[in-house]
Amino acid sequence: MSASPNHAARLGTASALSALAFFFLMTSYYIIRPVMNQLGGAVGSQSLPLFYGAVFVVMLALTPVFGLLVARFPRRPLLCWSYSFFILCLLAFVPAFLAQDRLGARNLGVVFFVWVSVFNLFVVSLFWSFMADIFSSVEARKAFSLIALGGMGGAVFGPLLTKLLLQLIGVPPLLLVSALALGASLGLLLLLSAREGREPQSRGDQVIGGSLWAGLRAVWTQPFMRYMALLMLFGDGIGTLAYALVADYAKAHFAGVVARTAFYNNLDLATNTLGAVLQLSATRWLLIRLGAGWGLVVPAVVNVLLLVVLALSGSDGSVVVFGSSVSLLALTMVITRGFAYGMTKPATDALYTRVSRETRYKGKNFVETAVWRFGDVVVTSAVSGLRMLGLGVGGLALLGAGVASMATWVATRAGWSADLAPDESAGPGTEGTAAG
């Protein structure tokens, strides 16, 4: 059934505002991401278990707090208070970075790494929970890849802006620019919430209610949420393995704050360019024609192939790309993350439109915060231990290929989980049919 002109116009306006809000949100994050990563590159992978362990503890503490806020407050104040808190924190970090040499990269790194990780996970998770709240399943499959493309635009613009400003103003003032971008995102989300609130079926002023621990309970009781938690752990294992190996590479090859920040900024630029290309080409076609489940399966298969190649190479050598020598580790990190952001993420968020509203906020947030950071702790600790036992890049990559193979199987279960609400537009080969 074709959509009415009014519905099509509403969908187009909501999609455009959402994409622009996500553009500013990702611009904000990708301005400060290389600032965070250069602190990790300054100390190498041996300190990453400490960094991620601290993040995991903070996430566990904040999960019931977030559940309490979601249970008691409507959507609009929840957005406003959450984003405003992080804007104020960005401003407060400026004097700390002016004193980085006195504070030390390790000390400042732990605090800032924890904060940026919390910032990224909570504001992005809350953004997509909001998106899943205002778009139906059919609308999500049409709009989410375009909204994600807006985010990829910000994820490309952020590193470009950082590259331009880094030499002109240095690292600390970048936090001010990031705060301005996050403020612009908040303004657009509040405008979008106000527009959606005028719709007859709006739930913007409804309190979700429920338990503080509903997110944790959903993972134990709902098959789809269990699959998503496992997929998060396996996917995080691959991404964190690449991150840890690249941290050692950065420590060995780049000296100084500016050089490391520039290296990680270039990685982000390449990753997000790939993600944008995927969203402009394969992702939207895949989600609309074949269904969101395939958006989980295809990146998992790509990861298997990449890690097998890295394992066979047995080193952190270089390959020639477009006439330039590029670290194979860096290339692996760019491709795995590019597919994660450019295909897996839009597919995942489209599937969350087919769960209950409480699960959409609390369960999704628990998986994308506490479960994700638990995986970080396990993987970075394992990498450090295996490195101490003498296992090299090839051996670690082979283990990663095994994990990616398990992720492929879990992706087939998650994308066609029987407890997902029916997709009213599903046809043969889409999510309308549960996996056997």
Protein backbone atom coordinates (compact mmCIF):
# COMPACT_ATOMS: atom_id res chain seq x y z
CA MET A 1 0.00 0.00 0.00
CA SER A 2 1.46 3.35 -1.01
CA ALA A 3 1.96 6.05 1.57
CA SER A 4 -0.22 9.18 1.57
CA PRO A 5 1.40 12.48 0.53
CA ASN A 6 1.12 13.79 4.10
CA HIS A 7 2.76 10.69 5.50
CA ALA A 8 5.53 10.80 2.89
CA ALA A 9 6.18 14.48 3.68
CA ARG A 10 6.25 13.78 7.44
CA LEU A 11 8.64 10.89 6.92
CA GLY A 12 10.89 12.99 4.69
CA THR A 13 11.02 15.88 7.17
CA ALA A 14 11.63 13.60 10.15
CA SER A 15 14.36 11.74 8.26
CA ALA A 16 16.10 14.98 7.25
CA LEU A 17 16.01 16.45 10.78
CA SER A 18 17.20 13.14 12.24
CA ALA A 19 20.06 12.86 9.75
CA LEU A 20 21.17 16.44 10.49
CA ALA A 21 20.99 15.81 14.25
CA PHE A 22 23.07 12.67 13.85
CA PHE A 23 25.52 14.61 11.66
CA PHE A 24 26.21 17.06 14.48
CA LEU A 25 26.29 14.30 17.10
CA MET A 26 28.92 12.31 15.21
CA THR A 27 30.86 15.47 14.38
CA SER A 28 31.06 16.14 18.11
CA TYR A 29 32.23 12.62 18.89
CA TYR A 30 34.79 12.38 16.08
CA ILE A 31 36.40 15.64 17.10
CA ILE A 32 37.25 14.20 20.52
CA ARG A 33 37.79 10.56 19.48
CA PRO A 34 41.37 11.06 18.19
CA VAL A 35 42.09 13.08 21.34
CA MET A 36 41.08 10.04 23.38
CA ASN A 37 42.90 7.57 21.15
CA GLN A 38 46.19 9.43 21.28
CA LEU A 39 46.17 8.90 25.05
CA GLY A 40 45.76 5.16 24.47
CA GLY A 41 48.49 5.25 21.83
CA ALA A 42 50.79 6.99 24.29
CA VAL A 43 50.74 4.02 26.69
CA GLY A 44 50.11 1.06 24.35
CA SER A 45 47.83 -1.96 24.72
CA GLN A 46 49.15 -2.94 28.16
CA SER A 47 47.09 -0.14 29.74
CA LEU A 48 43.89 -0.85 27.80
CA PRO A 49 42.59 -3.45 30.31
CA LEU A 50 42.80 -0.71 32.97
CA PHE A 51 41.02 1.77 30.70
CA TYR A 52 38.26 -0.65 29.73
CA GLY A 53 37.95 -2.07 33.23
CA ALA A 54 37.26 1.41 34.57
CA VAL A 55 34.68 1.97 31.81
CA PHE A 56 32.94 -1.32 32.62
CA VAL A 57 32.65 -0.47 36.33
CA VAL A 58 31.21 2.95 35.50
CA MET A 59 28.77 1.40 33.02
CA LEU A 60 27.52 -1.10 35.60
CA ALA A 61 26.96 1.76 38.04
CA LEU A 62 25.16 3.91 35.47
CA THR A 63 22.89 1.21 34.00
CA PRO A 64 20.33 1.30 36.86
CA VAL A 65 20.56 5.11 36.91
CA PHE A 66 19.67 5.21 33.23
CA GLY A 67 16.88 2.70 33.85
CA LEU A 68 15.53 4.94 36.61
CA LEU A 69 15.55 8.00 34.36
CA VAL A 70 13.83 6.16 31.51
CA ALA A 71 11.24 4.72 33.90
CA ARG A 72 10.30 8.05 35.46
CA PHE A 73 10.76 10.81 32.90
CA PRO A 74 9.29 11.48 29.43
CA ARG A 75 11.51 11.40 26.39
CA ARG A 76 12.10 15.14 25.91
CA PRO A 77 13.54 15.97 29.38
CA LEU A 78 15.57 12.75 29.23
CA LEU A 79 17.20 13.93 26.00
CA CYS A 80 17.72 17.45 27.28
CA TRP A 81 19.29 16.54 30.62
CA SER A 82 21.51 13.78 29.22
CA TYR A 83 22.97 15.83 26.38
CA SER A 84 23.35 18.97 28.50
CA PHE A 85 25.32 17.00 31.09
CA PHE A 86 27.85 15.88 28.47
CA ILE A 87 28.15 19.39 27.03
CA LEU A 88 29.08 20.74 30.47
CA CYS A 89 31.61 17.92 30.92
CA LEU A 90 33.30 18.80 27.62
CA LEU A 91 33.79 22.36 28.83
CA ALA A 92 35.17 21.12 32.15
CA PHE A 93 37.84 19.00 30.44
CA VAL A 94 39.46 21.97 28.68
CA PRO A 95 41.69 23.01 31.63
CA ALA A 96 42.68 19.37 32.21
CA PHE A 97 44.08 19.09 28.69
CA LEU A 98 45.91 22.38 29.10
CA ALA A 99 47.72 20.64 31.98
CA GLN A 100 48.20 17.24 30.24
CA ASP A 101 51.99 17.24 30.63
CA ARG A 102 51.67 17.72 34.39
CA LEU A 103 48.81 15.26 34.84
CA GLY A 104 50.41 12.57 32.68
CA ALA A 105 48.94 10.68 29.70
CA ARG A 106 48.09 7.62 31.79
CA ASN A 107 46.23 9.50 34.53
CA LEU A 108 44.36 11.82 32.19
CA GLY A 109 43.89 8.92 29.79
CA VAL A 110 41.96 6.78 32.28
CA VAL A 111 39.57 9.60 33.18
CA PHE A 112 39.03 10.89 29.64
CA PHE A 113 38.84 7.41 28.11
CA VAL A 114 36.12 6.46 30.59
CA TRP A 115 34.21 9.66 30.02
CA VAL A 116 34.37 9.54 26.20
CA SER A 117 33.31 5.88 26.22
CA VAL A 118 30.31 6.72 28.41
CA PHE A 119 29.58 9.76 26.24
CA ASN A 120 29.68 7.76 23.01
CA LEU A 121 27.64 4.82 24.22
CA PHE A 122 24.93 6.73 26.05
CA VAL A 123 24.31 9.61 23.63
CA VAL A 124 24.40 7.38 20.54
CA SER A 125 22.30 4.64 22.17
CA LEU A 126 19.77 7.22 23.36
CA PHE A 127 19.67 8.78 19.88
CA TRP A 128 18.82 5.46 18.22
CA SER A 129 16.32 4.52 20.92
CA PHE A 130 14.58 7.80 20.13
CA MET A 131 14.70 6.99 16.40
CA ALA A 132 13.20 3.53 17.02
CA ASP A 133 10.48 5.26 19.05
CA ILE A 134 9.30 7.63 16.31
CA PHE A 135 9.71 5.43 13.21
CA SER A 136 7.79 2.24 12.44
CA SER A 137 9.57 -0.90 11.21
CA VAL A 138 8.74 -0.14 7.57
CA GLU A 139 9.79 3.50 7.93
CA ALA A 140 13.01 2.46 9.68
CA ARG A 141 14.10 0.24 6.80
CA LYS A 142 13.66 3.19 4.44
CA ALA A 143 15.02 5.94 6.68
CA PHE A 144 17.67 4.47 8.98
CA SER A 145 20.37 4.01 6.38
CA LEU A 146 19.84 7.64 5.34
CA ILE A 147 19.95 8.81 8.96
CA ALA A 148 23.09 6.73 9.49
CA LEU A 149 24.50 8.36 6.36
CA GLY A 150 24.01 11.73 8.03
CA GLY A 151 26.01 10.40 10.96
CA MET A 152 28.70 9.18 8.59
CA GLY A 153 28.80 12.65 7.10
CA GLY A 154 29.55 13.97 10.58
CA ALA A 155 32.02 11.15 11.16
CA VAL A 156 33.90 12.24 8.03
CA PHE A 157 33.51 15.98 8.66
CA GLY A 158 34.68 15.66 12.28
CA PRO A 159 38.12 14.24 11.41
CA LEU A 160 38.50 16.72 8.54
CA LEU A 161 37.67 19.61 10.87
CA THR A 162 40.01 18.20 13.50
CA LYS A 163 42.80 17.89 10.94
CA LEU A 164 42.31 21.54 9.97
CA LEU A 165 42.06 22.89 13.53
CA LEU A 166 44.67 20.69 15.19
CA GLN A 167 47.62 22.64 13.81
CA LEU A 168 45.89 25.99 14.29
CA ILE A 169 44.50 25.81 17.83
CA GLY A 170 45.92 22.63 19.39
CA VAL A 171 44.09 19.89 21.30
CA PRO A 172 42.29 21.60 24.25
CA PRO A 173 40.15 24.07 22.21
CA LEU A 174 38.86 21.15 20.14
CA LEU A 175 36.67 20.25 23.11
CA LEU A 176 34.88 23.58 22.82
CA VAL A 177 34.12 22.91 19.15
CA SER A 178 32.82 19.46 20.08
CA ALA A 179 30.50 20.99 22.71
CA LEU A 180 29.02 23.38 20.13
CA ALA A 181 28.30 20.52 17.73
CA LEU A 182 26.63 18.47 20.47
CA GLY A 183 24.49 21.48 21.39
CA ALA A 184 23.34 21.76 17.77
CA SER A 185 22.38 18.07 17.79
CA LEU A 186 20.37 18.50 20.99
CA GLY A 187 18.49 21.47 19.52
CA LEU A 188 17.48 19.47 16.45
CA LEU A 189 16.38 16.47 18.51
CA LEU A 190 14.19 18.67 20.70
CA LEU A 191 12.67 20.22 17.56
CA LEU A 192 12.04 16.73 16.17
CA SER A 193 10.49 15.61 19.45
CA ALA A 194 8.21 18.66 19.48
CA ARG A 195 7.09 18.00 15.88
CA GLU A 196 6.46 14.32 16.57
CA GLY A 197 4.62 15.23 19.76
CA ARG A 198 1.92 16.94 17.71
CA GLU A 199 1.10 13.68 15.91
CA PRO A 200 -2.11 11.93 17.09
CA GLN A 201 -0.30 8.67 17.97
CA SER A 202 2.65 10.35 19.67
CA ARG A 203 4.11 8.76 22.79
CA GLY A 204 6.62 11.53 23.45
CA ASP A 205 5.02 12.63 26.73
CA GLN A 206 4.37 9.09 27.96
CA VAL A 207 6.58 7.77 30.74
CA ILE A 208 7.87 4.32 29.84
CA GLY A 209 7.82 3.07 33.44
CA GLY A 210 8.88 -0.44 34.40
CA SER A 211 11.85 -1.74 36.38
CA LEU A 212 15.33 -0.27 36.78
CA TRP A 213 16.74 -3.67 35.80
CA ALA A 214 14.45 -4.29 32.82
CA GLY A 215 17.40 -4.12 30.42
CA LEU A 216 19.31 -6.87 32.22
CA ARG A 217 16.17 -8.99 32.54
CA ALA A 218 15.43 -8.63 28.81
CA VAL A 219 18.80 -10.14 27.92
CA TRP A 220 18.04 -13.22 30.05
CA THR A 221 14.40 -13.70 29.03
CA GLN A 222 14.13 -12.63 25.37
CA PRO A 223 15.85 -14.72 22.66
CA PHE A 224 16.40 -11.73 20.38
CA MET A 225 18.10 -9.76 23.15
CA ARG A 226 20.31 -12.76 24.02
CA TYR A 227 21.40 -12.97 20.40
CA MET A 228 22.10 -9.25 20.32
CA ALA A 229 24.18 -9.49 23.51
CA LEU A 230 26.22 -12.36 22.03
CA LEU A 231 26.61 -10.51 18.76
CA MET A 232 27.79 -7.46 20.66
CA LEU A 233 30.38 -9.54 22.54
CA PHE A 234 31.68 -11.25 19.39
CA GLY A 235 31.69 -8.08 17.31
CA ASP A 236 33.37 -6.19 20.12
CA GLY A 237 35.97 -8.94 20.38
CA ILE A 238 36.98 -8.38 16.78
CA GLY A 239 36.93 -4.58 16.99
CA THR A 240 38.79 -4.42 20.29
CA LEU A 241 41.42 -6.90 19.08
CA ALA A 242 42.11 -4.64 16.11
CA TYR A 243 42.15 -1.57 18.38
CA ALA A 244 44.64 -3.15 20.80
CA LEU A 245 47.00 -4.21 18.00
CA VAL A 246 46.82 -0.78 16.40
CA ALA A 247 47.55 0.84 19.79
CA ASP A 248 50.84 -1.08 19.93
CA TYR A 249 51.56 -0.09 16.34
CA ALA A 250 50.90 3.59 17.13
CA LYS A 251 53.12 3.49 20.19
CA ALA A 252 55.97 1.99 18.16
CA HIS A 253 55.71 4.25 15.12
CA PHE A 254 54.49 7.67 16.32
CA ALA A 255 55.98 9.97 18.94
CA GLY A 256 54.20 12.96 20.39
CA VAL A 257 50.59 14.00 20.96
CA VAL A 258 50.07 15.69 17.57
CA ALA A 259 51.51 12.79 15.52
CA ARG A 260 49.41 10.17 17.31
CA THR A 261 46.28 12.32 17.12
CA ALA A 262 46.82 12.81 13.38
CA PHE A 263 47.30 9.04 12.85
CA TYR A 264 44.08 8.14 14.63
CA ASN A 265 42.29 10.99 12.91
CA ASN A 266 43.31 9.56 9.52
CA LEU A 267 42.04 6.13 10.60
CA ASP A 268 38.68 7.65 11.53
CA LEU A 269 38.50 9.52 8.23
CA ALA A 270 39.16 6.35 6.20
CA THR A 271 36.73 4.29 8.31
CA ASN A 272 33.89 6.74 8.03
CA THR A 273 34.43 7.32 4.33
CA LEU A 274 34.03 3.57 3.81
CA GLY A 275 30.93 3.58 6.01
CA ALA A 276 29.40 6.41 3.99
CA VAL A 277 30.10 4.60 0.71
CA LEU A 278 28.40 1.47 2.06
CA GLN A 279 25.32 3.43 3.12
CA LEU A 280 25.12 5.14 -0.25
CA SER A 281 25.40 1.84 -2.11
CA ALA A 282 24.82 -1.54 -0.47
CA THR A 283 23.23 -0.96 2.93
CA ARG A 284 19.93 0.71 2.01
CA TRP A 285 19.38 -1.72 -0.86
CA LEU A 286 20.10 -4.66 1.43
CA LEU A 287 17.76 -3.48 4.21
CA ILE A 288 14.85 -2.69 1.87
CA ARG A 289 15.18 -5.62 -0.55
CA LEU A 290 16.41 -8.46 1.65
CA GLY A 291 15.74 -7.30 5.21
CA ALA A 292 17.74 -6.09 8.19
CA GLY A 293 18.96 -9.57 9.10
CA TRP A 294 21.29 -9.62 6.13
CA GLY A 295 22.81 -6.37 7.38
CA LEU A 296 24.13 -8.39 10.33
CA VAL A 297 25.30 -11.43 8.37
CA VAL A 298 27.29 -9.76 5.57
CA PRO A 299 29.70 -7.77 7.86
CA ALA A 300 30.33 -10.91 9.94
CA VAL A 301 31.39 -12.82 6.81
CA VAL A 302 33.64 -9.91 5.76
CA ASN A 303 35.33 -10.03 9.19
CA VAL A 304 36.06 -13.74 8.81
CA LEU A 305 37.75 -13.17 5.45
CA LEU A 306 39.77 -10.17 6.68
CA LEU A 307 41.09 -11.94 9.77
CA VAL A 308 42.02 -15.04 7.79
CA VAL A 309 44.11 -12.83 5.48
CA LEU A 310 45.75 -11.15 8.49
CA ALA A 311 46.44 -14.56 10.07
CA LEU A 312 48.03 -15.87 6.88
CA SER A 313 50.25 -12.79 6.63
CA GLY A 314 51.46 -13.51 10.17
CA SER A 315 52.78 -9.98 10.73
CA ASP A 316 51.89 -6.32 11.04
CA GLY A 317 53.40 -5.56 7.64
CA SER A 318 52.14 -3.18 4.99
CA VAL A 319 50.11 -3.46 1.81
CA VAL A 320 49.88 -1.08 -1.14
CA VAL A 321 46.54 0.73 -1.44
CA PHE A 322 46.07 3.27 -4.25
CA GLY A 323 49.84 3.46 -4.65
CA SER A 324 50.53 4.11 -0.95
CA SER A 325 51.94 1.76 1.68
CA VAL A 326 49.37 1.10 4.43
CA SER A 327 49.72 -0.97 7.59
CA LEU A 328 47.75 -4.22 7.23
CA LEU A 329 46.62 -3.82 10.84
CA ALA A 330 45.32 -0.33 10.14
CA LEU A 331 43.56 -1.55 6.99
CA THR A 332 41.89 -4.37 8.92
CA MET A 333 40.70 -1.93 11.57
CA VAL A 334 39.32 0.46 8.93
CA ILE A 335 37.36 -2.23 7.08
CA THR A 336 35.93 -3.98 10.16
CA ARG A 337 34.83 -0.69 11.69
CA GLY A 338 33.60 0.66 8.34
CA PHE A 339 31.23 -2.31 7.94
CA ALA A 340 30.20 -2.11 11.61
CA TYR A 341 29.16 1.53 11.29
CA GLY A 342 28.07 1.46 7.66
CA MET A 343 25.98 -1.72 7.66
CA THR A 344 25.66 -3.51 11.02
CA LYS A 345 24.52 -0.45 12.98
CA PRO A 346 21.62 0.61 10.71
CA ALA A 347 20.47 -3.02 10.48
CA THR A 348 20.60 -3.47 14.25
CA ASP A 349 18.62 -0.30 14.94
CA ALA A 350 16.01 -1.25 12.34
CA LEU A 351 15.46 -4.56 14.17
CA TYR A 352 14.94 -2.71 17.48
CA THR A 353 11.78 -1.12 16.05
CA ARG A 354 10.21 -4.57 16.41
CA VAL A 355 10.59 -4.94 20.19
CA SER A 356 8.66 -3.35 23.06
CA ARG A 357 9.24 0.29 23.93
CA GLU A 358 10.81 -0.60 27.31
CA THR A 359 13.19 -3.08 25.66
CA ARG A 360 13.95 -0.50 22.96
CA TYR A 361 15.33 1.91 25.57
CA LYS A 362 16.48 -0.19 28.51
CA GLY A 363 17.45 -3.50 26.88
CA LYS A 364 19.18 -1.84 23.95
CA ASN A 365 21.03 0.51 26.29
CA PHE A 366 22.19 -2.37 28.51
CA VAL A 367 23.55 -4.32 25.53
CA GLU A 368 25.24 -1.26 24.02
CA THR A 369 26.84 -0.12 27.28
CA ALA A 370 27.44 -2.74 29.97
CA VAL A 371 27.66 -5.77 27.65
CA TRP A 372 29.87 -3.90 25.19
CA ARG A 373 32.31 -2.76 27.85
CA PHE A 374 32.37 -6.18 29.52
CA GLY A 375 33.59 -7.48 26.17
CA ASP A 376 36.25 -4.77 26.07
CA VAL A 377 37.63 -5.86 29.45
CA VAL A 378 37.71 -9.54 28.49
CA VAL A 379 39.28 -8.99 25.07
CA THR A 380 41.96 -6.48 26.08
CA SER A 381 42.94 -8.62 29.09
CA ALA A 382 43.11 -11.71 26.86
CA VAL A 383 45.20 -9.88 24.25
CA SER A 384 47.65 -8.66 26.90
CA GLY A 385 47.92 -12.17 28.38
CA LEU A 386 48.41 -13.85 25.01
CA ARG A 387 50.99 -11.24 24.04
CA MET A 388 52.93 -12.02 27.22
CA LEU A 389 52.83 -15.72 26.28
CA GLY A 390 54.42 -14.86 22.95
CA LEU A 391 51.42 -15.07 20.61
CA GLY A 392 51.92 -12.77 17.66
CA VAL A 393 49.65 -10.93 15.25
CA GLY A 394 49.01 -14.02 13.10
CA GLY A 395 47.90 -16.18 16.02
CA LEU A 396 45.66 -13.46 17.44
CA ALA A 397 44.10 -12.91 14.03
CA LEU A 398 43.39 -16.65 13.71
CA LEU A 399 41.57 -16.60 17.05
CA GLY A 400 39.68 -13.54 15.85
CA ALA A 401 38.62 -15.40 12.69
CA GLY A 402 37.13 -18.11 14.90
CA VAL A 403 35.19 -15.51 16.88
CA ALA A 404 33.96 -13.91 13.64
CA SER A 405 32.72 -17.32 12.46
CA MET A 406 30.65 -17.68 15.64
CA ALA A 407 29.35 -14.13 15.12
CA THR A 408 28.13 -15.13 11.65
CA TRP A 409 26.00 -17.93 13.10
CA VAL A 410 24.59 -15.67 15.85
CA ALA A 411 23.76 -13.00 13.25
CA THR A 412 21.58 -15.48 11.36
CA ARG A 413 19.67 -16.22 14.57
CA ALA A 414 19.30 -12.56 15.64
CA GLY A 415 18.07 -11.25 12.29
CA TRP A 416 15.28 -13.81 12.10
CA SER A 417 14.50 -14.31 15.80
CA ALA A 418 11.02 -15.72 16.38
CA ASP A 419 10.17 -13.26 19.19
CA LEU A 420 10.53 -10.16 16.99
CA ALA A 421 7.25 -8.45 16.17
CA PRO A 422 6.13 -9.15 12.59
CA ASP A 423 7.44 -6.85 9.91
CA GLU A 424 4.30 -5.78 8.11
CA SER A 425 6.14 -5.34 4.80
CA ALA A 426 8.18 -8.54 5.02
CA GLY A 427 8.23 -10.82 2.06
CA PRO A 428 10.16 -13.95 1.13
CA GLY A 429 13.71 -13.76 2.40
CA THR A 430 13.11 -10.92 4.86
CA GLU A 431 12.61 -10.85 8.63
CA GLY A 432 9.02 -11.96 8.36
CA THR A 433 10.17 -15.58 8.57
CA ALA A 434 12.02 -16.84 11.60
CA ALA A 435 15.19 -18.79 11.18
CA GLY A 436 14.68 -22.50 11.64
